[in-house]
N, C-alpha and C. Protein backbone atom coordinates (compact mmCIF):
# COMPACT_ATOMS: atom_id res chain seq x y z
N MET A 1 -10.57 7.24 -8.39
CA MET A 1 -10.33 5.59 -8.20
C MET A 1 -10.84 3.96 -8.55
N ALA A 2 -11.49 4.51 -9.99
CA ALA A 2 -12.08 3.71 -9.92
C ALA A 2 -10.60 2.28 -11.33
N ASP A 3 -9.87 3.01 -11.89
CA ASP A 3 -8.89 1.98 -12.20
C ASP A 3 -7.54 3.01 -11.94
N ASP A 4 -6.36 1.99 -12.08
CA ASP A 4 -5.16 2.52 -11.92
C ASP A 4 -4.46 2.89 -12.39
N GLY A 5 -4.92 1.99 -14.14
CA GLY A 5 -4.14 2.49 -15.18
C GLY A 5 -2.14 2.37 -15.17
N ASN A 6 -1.94 3.07 -14.90
CA ASN A 6 0.39 2.89 -15.03
C ASN A 6 -0.09 3.24 -13.04
N GLU A 7 -0.51 3.56 -12.16
CA GLU A 7 -0.11 4.19 -10.71
C GLU A 7 0.10 2.72 -10.50
N LEU A 8 0.93 2.36 -9.40
CA LEU A 8 1.25 1.30 -8.95
C LEU A 8 0.84 1.66 -7.70
N TRP A 9 -0.09 0.17 -7.10
CA TRP A 9 -0.72 0.41 -6.05
C TRP A 9 -0.34 -1.24 -5.20
N VAL A 10 0.11 -1.27 -3.99
CA VAL A 10 0.43 -1.94 -3.58
C VAL A 10 0.06 -2.67 -2.75
N PHE A 11 -1.04 -3.76 -2.30
CA PHE A 11 -1.64 -4.83 -1.43
C PHE A 11 -0.20 -5.43 -0.21
N GLY A 12 -0.87 -5.16 1.01
CA GLY A 12 0.26 -5.62 1.70
C GLY A 12 -1.19 -6.42 3.03
N TYR A 13 -1.26 -7.49 3.28
CA TYR A 13 -1.94 -7.99 4.56
C TYR A 13 -1.42 -8.83 5.39
N GLY A 14 0.20 -8.23 6.11
CA GLY A 14 0.50 -8.46 6.69
C GLY A 14 1.82 -7.64 7.53
N SER A 15 2.60 -7.68 7.90
CA SER A 15 3.56 -6.43 8.18
C SER A 15 3.48 -5.31 7.18
N LEU A 16 3.05 -5.42 5.90
CA LEU A 16 3.04 -4.20 5.17
C LEU A 16 1.77 -3.78 5.41
N MET A 17 0.55 -3.60 6.04
CA MET A 17 -0.23 -3.21 6.77
C MET A 17 0.25 -1.91 7.90
N TRP A 18 1.18 -2.38 8.33
CA TRP A 18 1.64 -1.63 9.14
C TRP A 18 2.70 -0.98 9.80
N ASP A 19 3.35 -1.45 8.82
CA ASP A 19 4.76 -0.57 8.11
C ASP A 19 4.95 -1.33 7.16
N PRO A 20 4.50 0.05 6.35
CA PRO A 20 4.91 -0.34 4.64
C PRO A 20 6.55 -0.02 4.46
N GLY A 21 6.65 0.95 5.06
CA GLY A 21 8.11 1.29 5.02
C GLY A 21 8.44 1.86 3.62
N PHE A 22 7.77 2.50 3.01
CA PHE A 22 7.64 2.80 1.28
C PHE A 22 6.98 4.35 1.38
N PRO A 23 7.05 5.22 0.70
CA PRO A 23 6.42 6.79 0.86
C PRO A 23 4.97 6.39 -0.40
N HIS A 24 4.25 6.73 0.04
CA HIS A 24 2.67 6.81 -0.69
C HIS A 24 0.96 7.61 0.02
N LEU A 25 0.88 8.28 -1.52
CA LEU A 25 -0.16 8.45 -1.06
C LEU A 25 -1.51 8.91 -0.70
N GLU A 26 -1.79 7.22 -0.55
CA GLU A 26 -2.66 6.48 0.48
C GLU A 26 -2.63 5.40 0.71
N ALA A 27 -3.25 5.51 2.02
CA ALA A 27 -3.61 3.80 2.38
C ALA A 27 -5.06 3.79 2.52
N MET A 28 -5.43 2.54 2.10
CA MET A 28 -7.21 2.46 2.49
C MET A 28 -7.49 0.73 2.64
N PRO A 29 -8.61 -0.01 3.14
CA PRO A 29 -8.39 -1.32 3.37
C PRO A 29 -9.09 -1.86 1.78
N ALA A 30 -8.43 -3.02 1.65
CA ALA A 30 -9.08 -3.45 0.60
C ALA A 30 -8.92 -5.07 0.67
N VAL A 31 -9.90 -5.59 0.01
CA VAL A 31 -9.86 -7.04 -0.35
C VAL A 31 -9.56 -7.45 -1.72
N LEU A 32 -8.75 -8.89 -1.20
CA LEU A 32 -8.26 -9.59 -2.50
C LEU A 32 -9.24 -10.65 -2.50
N SER A 33 -9.38 -11.05 -3.65
CA SER A 33 -10.46 -12.33 -3.69
C SER A 33 -9.45 -13.18 -4.48
N GLY A 34 -9.99 -14.77 -3.85
CA GLY A 34 -8.91 -15.90 -4.45
C GLY A 34 -8.13 -16.15 -3.90
N PHE A 35 -7.97 -15.08 -2.31
CA PHE A 35 -6.69 -15.62 -1.70
C PHE A 35 -6.95 -15.40 -0.55
N HIS A 36 -6.25 -16.04 0.88
CA HIS A 36 -6.55 -16.28 2.15
C HIS A 36 -5.30 -15.89 2.92
N ARG A 37 -5.19 -15.22 3.31
CA ARG A 37 -4.00 -15.37 4.50
C ARG A 37 -3.46 -16.67 5.29
N SER A 38 -2.37 -17.05 5.64
CA SER A 38 -2.11 -18.10 6.13
C SER A 38 -0.66 -17.34 6.64
N PHE A 39 -0.22 -18.08 7.90
CA PHE A 39 0.85 -18.33 8.70
C PHE A 39 1.60 -19.54 7.76
N CYS A 40 2.15 -19.79 6.75
CA CYS A 40 2.64 -20.61 6.39
C CYS A 40 4.36 -20.49 5.66
N ILE A 41 4.58 -19.69 6.13
CA ILE A 41 5.84 -19.31 5.32
C ILE A 41 6.83 -19.41 6.90
N TYR A 42 7.80 -20.43 6.52
CA TYR A 42 9.05 -20.57 7.56
C TYR A 42 10.08 -19.50 7.53
N SER A 43 10.56 -18.32 8.67
CA SER A 43 11.14 -17.57 8.94
C SER A 43 12.41 -17.89 9.46
N TYR A 44 13.32 -17.70 8.99
CA TYR A 44 14.42 -17.83 9.37
C TYR A 44 15.17 -16.47 9.64
N GLN A 45 15.01 -15.61 8.91
CA GLN A 45 15.72 -14.31 9.09
C GLN A 45 14.63 -12.88 9.71
N TYR A 46 13.61 -12.96 9.52
CA TYR A 46 12.91 -11.61 10.22
C TYR A 46 12.04 -12.20 11.36
N ARG A 47 11.28 -12.95 12.08
CA ARG A 47 10.99 -13.61 12.26
C ARG A 47 11.11 -15.11 13.30
N GLY A 48 12.24 -15.01 13.13
CA GLY A 48 13.18 -16.63 13.50
C GLY A 48 14.41 -16.20 12.97
N THR A 49 15.09 -17.76 13.58
CA THR A 49 16.47 -18.24 12.83
C THR A 49 16.31 -19.97 11.99
N ARG A 50 17.64 -20.05 12.02
CA ARG A 50 17.22 -21.42 11.64
C ARG A 50 17.41 -22.16 12.50
N GLU A 51 17.64 -22.10 13.51
CA GLU A 51 18.03 -23.49 14.98
C GLU A 51 16.57 -22.72 15.44
N ARG A 52 15.74 -22.05 15.62
CA ARG A 52 14.31 -21.09 16.17
C ARG A 52 13.63 -21.02 15.41
N PRO A 53 12.97 -21.42 14.19
CA PRO A 53 12.34 -20.47 12.96
C PRO A 53 10.87 -20.41 13.35
N GLY A 54 10.76 -19.20 12.57
CA GLY A 54 9.46 -18.33 13.38
C GLY A 54 8.38 -18.34 11.88
N LEU A 55 7.01 -18.35 11.75
CA LEU A 55 6.16 -18.14 10.51
C LEU A 55 6.24 -16.85 9.86
N VAL A 56 5.49 -16.31 9.30
CA VAL A 56 5.41 -15.56 8.48
C VAL A 56 4.06 -15.83 7.81
N LEU A 57 3.56 -14.64 7.10
CA LEU A 57 1.77 -14.54 6.25
C LEU A 57 2.32 -15.32 4.81
N GLY A 58 1.86 -15.53 4.15
CA GLY A 58 1.42 -15.86 2.74
C GLY A 58 -0.01 -15.78 2.32
N LEU A 59 0.13 -15.60 0.85
CA LEU A 59 -1.71 -15.69 0.39
C LEU A 59 -1.60 -17.16 -0.26
N LYS A 60 -2.36 -17.62 -0.21
CA LYS A 60 -2.71 -19.43 -0.62
C LYS A 60 -3.94 -18.79 -1.48
N LEU A 61 -4.15 -19.85 -2.08
CA LEU A 61 -5.50 -19.58 -3.08
C LEU A 61 -6.87 -20.07 -2.23
N GLY A 62 -7.59 -19.65 -2.57
CA GLY A 62 -8.83 -19.76 -1.80
C GLY A 62 -9.47 -18.45 -1.07
N GLY A 63 -10.72 -18.48 -0.91
CA GLY A 63 -11.09 -17.41 0.19
C GLY A 63 -11.01 -15.86 -0.53
N ARG A 64 -10.56 -15.38 0.62
CA ARG A 64 -10.63 -13.81 0.34
C ARG A 64 -9.77 -13.15 1.66
N CYS A 65 -9.11 -12.10 0.94
CA CYS A 65 -8.20 -11.70 2.10
C CYS A 65 -8.60 -9.80 2.18
N HIS A 66 -8.60 -9.46 3.58
CA HIS A 66 -8.40 -8.04 3.65
C HIS A 66 -7.26 -7.69 3.80
N GLY A 67 -7.15 -6.66 3.75
CA GLY A 67 -5.50 -6.33 3.94
C GLY A 67 -5.65 -4.77 3.44
N MET A 68 -4.27 -4.17 3.25
CA MET A 68 -4.53 -2.29 2.78
C MET A 68 -3.89 -1.99 1.79
N ALA A 69 -4.49 -0.86 0.90
CA ALA A 69 -3.96 -1.08 -0.72
C ALA A 69 -3.21 0.61 -0.71
N PHE A 70 -1.65 0.35 -0.74
CA PHE A 70 -1.25 1.94 -0.72
C PHE A 70 -1.00 2.41 -2.33
N ARG A 71 -1.90 3.64 -2.29
CA ARG A 71 -1.21 4.16 -3.67
C ARG A 71 -0.18 4.71 -3.65
N VAL A 72 1.21 4.70 -4.75
CA VAL A 72 2.40 4.87 -4.42
C VAL A 72 2.74 5.91 -5.67
N ALA A 73 3.20 7.06 -5.23
CA ALA A 73 3.62 8.44 -6.48
C ALA A 73 3.99 7.76 -7.54
N PRO A 74 3.70 7.85 -9.09
CA PRO A 74 4.58 7.22 -10.00
C PRO A 74 6.12 7.92 -9.85
N GLU A 75 6.45 8.99 -9.21
CA GLU A 75 7.66 9.34 -9.33
C GLU A 75 8.99 8.31 -8.32
N GLU A 76 7.81 7.43 -7.21
CA GLU A 76 8.32 7.03 -6.33
C GLU A 76 8.53 4.98 -6.91
N ALA A 77 7.63 4.77 -8.03
CA ALA A 77 7.27 3.17 -8.38
C ALA A 77 8.84 2.75 -8.14
N GLU A 78 9.39 2.73 -9.10
CA GLU A 78 10.83 2.22 -9.01
C GLU A 78 11.32 2.00 -7.80
N ALA A 79 11.49 2.86 -7.24
CA ALA A 79 12.33 3.02 -5.61
C ALA A 79 11.56 1.52 -4.56
N THR A 80 9.25 1.97 -4.72
CA THR A 80 9.36 0.86 -3.98
C THR A 80 9.54 -0.39 -4.12
N LEU A 81 9.34 -0.66 -5.24
CA LEU A 81 9.74 -1.83 -6.09
C LEU A 81 10.87 -2.66 -6.07
N ALA A 82 11.55 -1.93 -5.50
CA ALA A 82 13.41 -1.80 -5.54
C ALA A 82 13.01 -2.54 -3.79
N TYR A 83 12.49 -1.86 -3.00
CA TYR A 83 12.61 -1.81 -1.72
C TYR A 83 11.43 -3.19 -0.87
N LEU A 84 10.97 -3.69 -1.67
CA LEU A 84 9.68 -4.89 -1.67
C LEU A 84 10.53 -5.02 -1.59
N THR A 85 11.18 -5.84 -3.29
CA THR A 85 12.63 -7.18 -3.97
C THR A 85 13.24 -7.35 -2.45
N GLU A 86 13.58 -6.14 -1.96
CA GLU A 86 14.93 -6.59 -1.22
C GLU A 86 14.14 -7.11 0.60
N ARG A 87 13.02 -6.20 0.35
CA ARG A 87 12.44 -6.61 1.86
C ARG A 87 11.49 -8.16 1.53
N GLU A 88 10.75 -8.58 0.57
CA GLU A 88 10.28 -9.41 0.73
C GLU A 88 10.27 -10.52 -0.14
N MET A 89 11.62 -10.56 -0.43
CA MET A 89 11.95 -11.79 -1.53
C MET A 89 13.57 -12.35 -0.69
N THR A 90 13.93 -12.32 0.14
CA THR A 90 14.73 -12.94 0.83
C THR A 90 15.17 -14.01 0.66
N SER A 91 14.22 -15.00 0.34
CA SER A 91 14.33 -16.14 -0.23
C SER A 91 13.45 -16.65 -1.14
N TYR A 92 12.70 -15.91 -1.99
CA TYR A 92 12.15 -16.27 -3.32
C TYR A 92 10.88 -17.00 -2.88
N VAL A 93 10.43 -17.14 -1.98
CA VAL A 93 9.26 -17.70 -1.00
C VAL A 93 8.09 -17.59 -1.82
N TYR A 94 7.88 -16.41 -2.25
CA TYR A 94 6.98 -15.82 -3.31
C TYR A 94 6.83 -15.47 -4.47
N ASN A 95 6.30 -15.37 -5.27
CA ASN A 95 5.46 -14.96 -6.45
C ASN A 95 5.17 -13.46 -6.38
N PRO A 96 5.88 -12.49 -6.95
CA PRO A 96 5.33 -11.46 -6.67
C PRO A 96 4.31 -11.05 -8.03
N MET A 97 3.27 -10.72 -7.53
CA MET A 97 2.05 -10.76 -8.46
C MET A 97 1.19 -9.83 -8.48
N ARG A 98 0.54 -9.01 -9.52
CA ARG A 98 -0.11 -8.00 -9.32
C ARG A 98 -1.84 -8.20 -9.97
N LEU A 99 -2.29 -8.59 -8.92
CA LEU A 99 -3.78 -9.08 -8.74
C LEU A 99 -4.84 -7.92 -8.08
N PRO A 100 -6.52 -8.01 -9.06
CA PRO A 100 -7.33 -7.20 -8.97
C PRO A 100 -7.57 -7.04 -7.32
N VAL A 101 -7.78 -5.98 -6.56
CA VAL A 101 -8.00 -5.46 -5.19
C VAL A 101 -8.80 -4.82 -5.13
N ASN A 102 -10.18 -4.80 -4.49
CA ASN A 102 -11.24 -3.93 -4.39
C ASN A 102 -10.79 -3.00 -3.25
N LEU A 103 -11.15 -1.90 -3.13
CA LEU A 103 -11.02 -0.59 -2.54
C LEU A 103 -11.73 -0.39 -1.81
N SER A 104 -13.01 -0.55 -1.99
CA SER A 104 -14.27 -0.84 -1.15
C SER A 104 -15.00 -2.13 -0.89
N VAL A 105 -15.16 -1.89 0.25
CA VAL A 105 -15.71 -3.32 0.90
C VAL A 105 -17.26 -3.09 1.01
N VAL A 106 -17.89 -2.29 0.43
CA VAL A 106 -19.13 -2.05 -0.03
C VAL A 106 -19.80 -2.47 -1.14
N VAL A 107 -19.24 -1.30 -2.06
CA VAL A 107 -19.54 -1.41 -3.31
C VAL A 107 -18.88 -1.90 -4.03
N GLN A 108 -18.75 -2.60 -4.67
CA GLN A 108 -17.56 -3.35 -5.66
C GLN A 108 -17.39 -2.92 -6.92
N ASP A 109 -17.11 -1.76 -7.24
CA ASP A 109 -16.93 -1.27 -8.39
C ASP A 109 -15.59 -0.39 -8.39
N HIS A 110 -14.62 -0.12 -7.18
CA HIS A 110 -13.58 0.28 -7.37
C HIS A 110 -12.74 -0.76 -6.95
N VAL A 111 -12.02 -1.19 -8.93
CA VAL A 111 -10.79 -2.23 -8.50
C VAL A 111 -9.72 -1.19 -8.66
N VAL A 112 -8.67 -1.94 -8.36
CA VAL A 112 -6.98 -1.86 -8.87
C VAL A 112 -6.20 -2.89 -8.80
N HIS A 113 -5.02 -3.11 -9.35
CA HIS A 113 -4.62 -3.68 -10.09
C HIS A 113 -3.22 -3.74 -9.06
N ALA A 114 -3.31 -4.70 -8.00
CA ALA A 114 -1.83 -3.98 -6.87
C ALA A 114 -1.15 -5.46 -7.37
N HIS A 115 0.12 -5.03 -6.61
CA HIS A 115 1.54 -5.43 -6.81
C HIS A 115 1.46 -6.25 -5.44
N THR A 116 1.42 -7.61 -5.00
CA THR A 116 1.11 -8.14 -4.02
C THR A 116 2.50 -9.20 -3.77
N TYR A 117 2.40 -10.33 -2.90
CA TYR A 117 3.33 -11.40 -2.76
C TYR A 117 2.24 -12.53 -2.78
N VAL A 118 2.61 -13.87 -3.46
CA VAL A 118 1.76 -14.77 -3.12
C VAL A 118 2.76 -16.29 -2.99
N ALA A 119 2.57 -16.72 -1.92
CA ALA A 119 3.84 -17.84 -1.69
C ALA A 119 3.15 -19.08 -2.51
N ASP A 120 4.89 -19.35 -2.29
CA ASP A 120 5.26 -20.63 -3.36
C ASP A 120 4.94 -21.63 -2.88
N HIS A 121 3.96 -22.56 -3.20
CA HIS A 121 3.52 -24.16 -2.48
C HIS A 121 4.98 -25.13 -2.98
N THR A 122 5.91 -24.58 -3.62
CA THR A 122 6.42 -25.59 -4.14
C THR A 122 8.27 -25.25 -3.24
N HIS A 123 8.23 -23.99 -2.77
CA HIS A 123 9.19 -23.66 -2.18
C HIS A 123 9.66 -24.11 -1.06
N PRO A 124 10.98 -25.18 -0.39
CA PRO A 124 11.28 -25.52 1.27
C PRO A 124 11.03 -25.04 1.85
N ASN A 125 10.94 -23.47 1.77
CA ASN A 125 10.35 -22.84 2.98
C ASN A 125 9.00 -22.78 3.29
N TYR A 126 8.01 -23.42 2.60
CA TYR A 126 6.66 -23.23 2.76
C TYR A 126 6.14 -24.49 3.31
N ALA A 127 5.38 -23.17 4.64
CA ALA A 127 5.16 -24.71 5.95
C ALA A 127 3.46 -25.41 5.16
N ALA A 128 3.61 -26.63 5.05
CA ALA A 128 2.32 -26.92 4.43
C ALA A 128 1.18 -27.85 6.06
N ASP A 129 0.25 -27.65 6.03
CA ASP A 129 -0.57 -28.21 6.60
C ASP A 129 -0.26 -28.13 8.22
N LEU A 130 0.66 -27.17 8.38
CA LEU A 130 0.62 -26.97 10.01
C LEU A 130 -0.91 -27.33 11.10
N THR A 131 -0.97 -27.86 12.42
CA THR A 131 -2.07 -27.85 12.67
C THR A 131 -1.84 -26.30 13.24
N LEU A 132 -2.99 -26.21 14.31
CA LEU A 132 -2.87 -24.73 15.03
C LEU A 132 -2.13 -24.73 16.00
N GLU A 133 -1.93 -26.02 16.58
CA GLU A 133 -1.24 -25.76 17.78
C GLU A 133 0.80 -25.68 17.50
N GLU A 134 0.88 -26.45 16.19
CA GLU A 134 2.13 -26.34 15.52
C GLU A 134 2.30 -24.77 15.07
N THR A 135 1.47 -24.40 14.37
CA THR A 135 1.67 -22.94 14.48
C THR A 135 1.79 -22.02 15.18
N ALA A 136 1.08 -22.18 16.54
CA ALA A 136 1.30 -21.24 17.79
C ALA A 136 2.84 -21.73 18.46
N SER A 137 3.26 -22.49 18.30
CA SER A 137 4.26 -23.53 18.77
C SER A 137 5.59 -22.68 17.82
N LEU A 138 5.99 -22.92 16.84
CA LEU A 138 6.57 -21.73 15.71
C LEU A 138 6.40 -20.65 16.02
N ILE A 139 5.57 -19.68 15.86
CA ILE A 139 5.01 -18.32 16.34
C ILE A 139 5.88 -17.91 18.12
N ARG A 140 6.23 -18.74 18.90
CA ARG A 140 5.69 -18.59 20.46
C ARG A 140 7.60 -18.33 20.26
N GLN A 141 8.13 -19.97 19.31
CA GLN A 141 9.89 -19.65 19.71
C GLN A 141 10.52 -18.67 19.07
N GLY A 142 10.09 -17.66 18.02
CA GLY A 142 10.60 -17.23 16.73
C GLY A 142 10.73 -15.77 17.50
N VAL A 143 11.74 -15.85 17.09
CA VAL A 143 12.60 -13.96 17.34
C VAL A 143 13.57 -13.95 16.11
N GLY A 144 13.80 -12.97 15.74
CA GLY A 144 14.32 -12.93 14.75
C GLY A 144 14.80 -11.15 14.29
N SER A 145 15.13 -11.08 13.56
CA SER A 145 15.51 -9.30 12.80
C SER A 145 14.88 -8.33 13.54
N ARG A 146 13.81 -8.89 12.69
CA ARG A 146 12.61 -7.91 13.12
C ARG A 146 11.39 -8.10 14.08
N GLY A 147 12.28 -8.70 15.34
CA GLY A 147 11.61 -8.81 16.19
C GLY A 147 11.04 -10.43 16.46
N PRO A 148 10.17 -10.38 18.11
CA PRO A 148 9.55 -11.58 18.49
C PRO A 148 8.39 -11.89 17.05
N ASN A 149 8.52 -13.20 17.05
CA ASN A 149 6.76 -13.49 16.20
C ASN A 149 5.79 -13.52 16.29
N ARG A 150 5.19 -13.68 17.70
CA ARG A 150 4.64 -13.28 18.61
C ARG A 150 3.51 -11.69 18.32
N ASP A 151 4.61 -10.91 17.96
CA ASP A 151 4.43 -9.23 17.81
C ASP A 151 4.02 -9.08 16.12
N TYR A 152 4.94 -9.92 15.62
CA TYR A 152 4.23 -10.13 14.68
C TYR A 152 2.25 -10.41 14.18
N LEU A 153 2.13 -11.38 15.33
CA LEU A 153 1.01 -12.08 14.69
C LEU A 153 -0.49 -10.90 15.56
N GLU A 154 0.14 -10.79 16.51
CA GLU A 154 -0.40 -9.29 17.49
C GLU A 154 -0.25 -8.24 16.62
N ASN A 155 0.25 -7.70 15.75
CA ASN A 155 0.32 -6.55 15.35
C ASN A 155 -1.01 -7.03 13.93
N THR A 156 -0.72 -7.42 13.27
CA THR A 156 -1.27 -8.15 12.11
C THR A 156 -3.08 -8.21 12.85
N VAL A 157 -3.44 -8.62 13.78
CA VAL A 157 -4.94 -9.09 14.26
C VAL A 157 -5.21 -8.02 14.71
N ARG A 158 -4.53 -6.96 15.54
CA ARG A 158 -5.15 -6.17 16.20
C ARG A 158 -5.54 -5.22 14.91
N HIS A 159 -4.26 -4.58 13.74
CA HIS A 159 -4.67 -3.57 12.40
C HIS A 159 -6.28 -4.03 11.79
N LEU A 160 -5.76 -5.07 11.72
CA LEU A 160 -7.84 -6.24 11.12
C LEU A 160 -7.82 -5.55 12.03
N GLU A 161 -8.38 -5.51 13.41
CA GLU A 161 -9.59 -5.10 13.92
C GLU A 161 -9.69 -3.51 13.71
N ASP A 162 -8.87 -2.46 13.67
CA ASP A 162 -8.35 -1.80 13.48
C ASP A 162 -9.69 -1.25 12.48
N ILE A 163 -9.79 -1.96 11.07
CA ILE A 163 -9.98 -1.94 9.92
C ILE A 163 -11.60 -2.43 9.81
N GLY A 164 -11.96 -2.99 11.21
CA GLY A 164 -13.01 -3.50 11.18
C GLY A 164 -13.21 -5.01 10.03
N VAL A 165 -12.28 -5.47 10.57
CA VAL A 165 -12.19 -6.99 10.04
C VAL A 165 -11.91 -7.91 11.02
N ASP A 166 -12.52 -9.15 11.27
CA ASP A 166 -13.16 -10.20 11.91
C ASP A 166 -12.29 -11.18 11.37
N GLU A 167 -11.20 -11.48 11.71
CA GLU A 167 -10.74 -13.10 10.93
C GLU A 167 -10.20 -14.37 12.12
N PRO A 168 -11.47 -15.12 12.51
CA PRO A 168 -11.56 -15.69 13.90
C PRO A 168 -10.11 -16.54 14.00
N ASN A 169 -9.77 -17.17 12.35
CA ASN A 169 -8.45 -18.16 12.51
C ASN A 169 -7.62 -17.37 13.15
N LEU A 170 -7.31 -16.13 13.01
CA LEU A 170 -6.20 -15.24 13.05
C LEU A 170 -6.40 -14.61 15.14
N VAL A 171 -7.57 -14.68 15.15
CA VAL A 171 -7.71 -14.29 16.63
C VAL A 171 -7.33 -15.83 17.30
N ALA A 172 -8.29 -16.88 16.79
CA ALA A 172 -8.12 -18.02 17.73
C ALA A 172 -6.62 -18.30 18.28
N LEU A 173 -5.71 -18.47 16.93
CA LEU A 173 -4.11 -18.51 16.82
C LEU A 173 -3.71 -18.03 18.71
N ARG A 174 -3.80 -16.79 18.19
CA ARG A 174 -3.55 -15.12 19.03
C ARG A 174 -3.85 -16.07 20.32
N ASP A 175 -5.04 -16.02 20.46
CA ASP A 175 -5.51 -16.23 21.76
C ASP A 175 -4.81 -17.64 22.60
N LEU A 176 -4.34 -18.93 21.29
CA LEU A 176 -4.09 -19.65 21.78
C LEU A 176 -2.95 -19.42 22.05
N VAL A 177 -1.84 -19.07 20.81
CA VAL A 177 -0.02 -18.36 21.64
C VAL A 177 -0.50 -17.66 22.86
N ARG A 178 -1.44 -16.57 23.58
CA ARG A 178 -1.59 -16.11 24.59
C ARG A 178 -1.72 -17.39 26.07
N ARG A 179 -2.68 -18.02 25.43
CA ARG A 179 -2.19 -19.05 26.84
C ARG A 179 -1.65 -19.75 27.01
N MET A 180 -0.40 -20.35 25.61
CA MET A 180 0.35 -21.45 25.89
C MET A 180 2.01 -20.37 26.78
N ASP A 181 1.74 -18.98 26.28
CA ASP A 181 2.25 -18.22 26.99
C ASP A 181 2.16 -18.08 28.45
N SER A 182 0.72 -17.85 28.97
CA SER A 182 0.75 -17.86 30.21
C SER A 182 1.02 -19.10 30.99
N GLY A 183 0.52 -20.12 30.28
CA GLY A 183 0.75 -21.68 31.44
C GLY A 183 -0.49 -22.19 31.45
N SER A 184 -1.66 -21.34 30.83
CA SER A 184 -3.14 -22.06 31.24
C SER A 184 -3.15 -23.31 29.87
């Protein structure tokens, strides 16, 4: 597990964590340094529409991001990358990158280079500088081909909790969406 060589690893930090959609040999918690997850991408297809956009996660510079790393069998690598391109690059708002992720959250010596997607801050679908309330409102209204935007948020928080990750910003966002839904 030390170096990945020519193996394909994929780092998921949003829906790929709980719904990768591709065959993999193993999945394990991982940490990407130098980036953090943010609801910074307008969604007009998967979690919203043009009339009622939602928001999905993107990686932004700075901090650390806990997620899942998936090891793909060599014979599945080409098909996996094609699938991910079709799934993640519908609007080309992401820059696909191969970045070092740590497969151990305790011992810092199990690093592999994983394929992942970083938000393009120059793209028109990039949602810069939204307040917590604006973010919550967009998530509440968004429903797209992959379902309600609030489910995406709930699933992300739940999955992070399942792997022992506390992400206060996402929890605060989820709690605000719940309060807004209940009218309190």
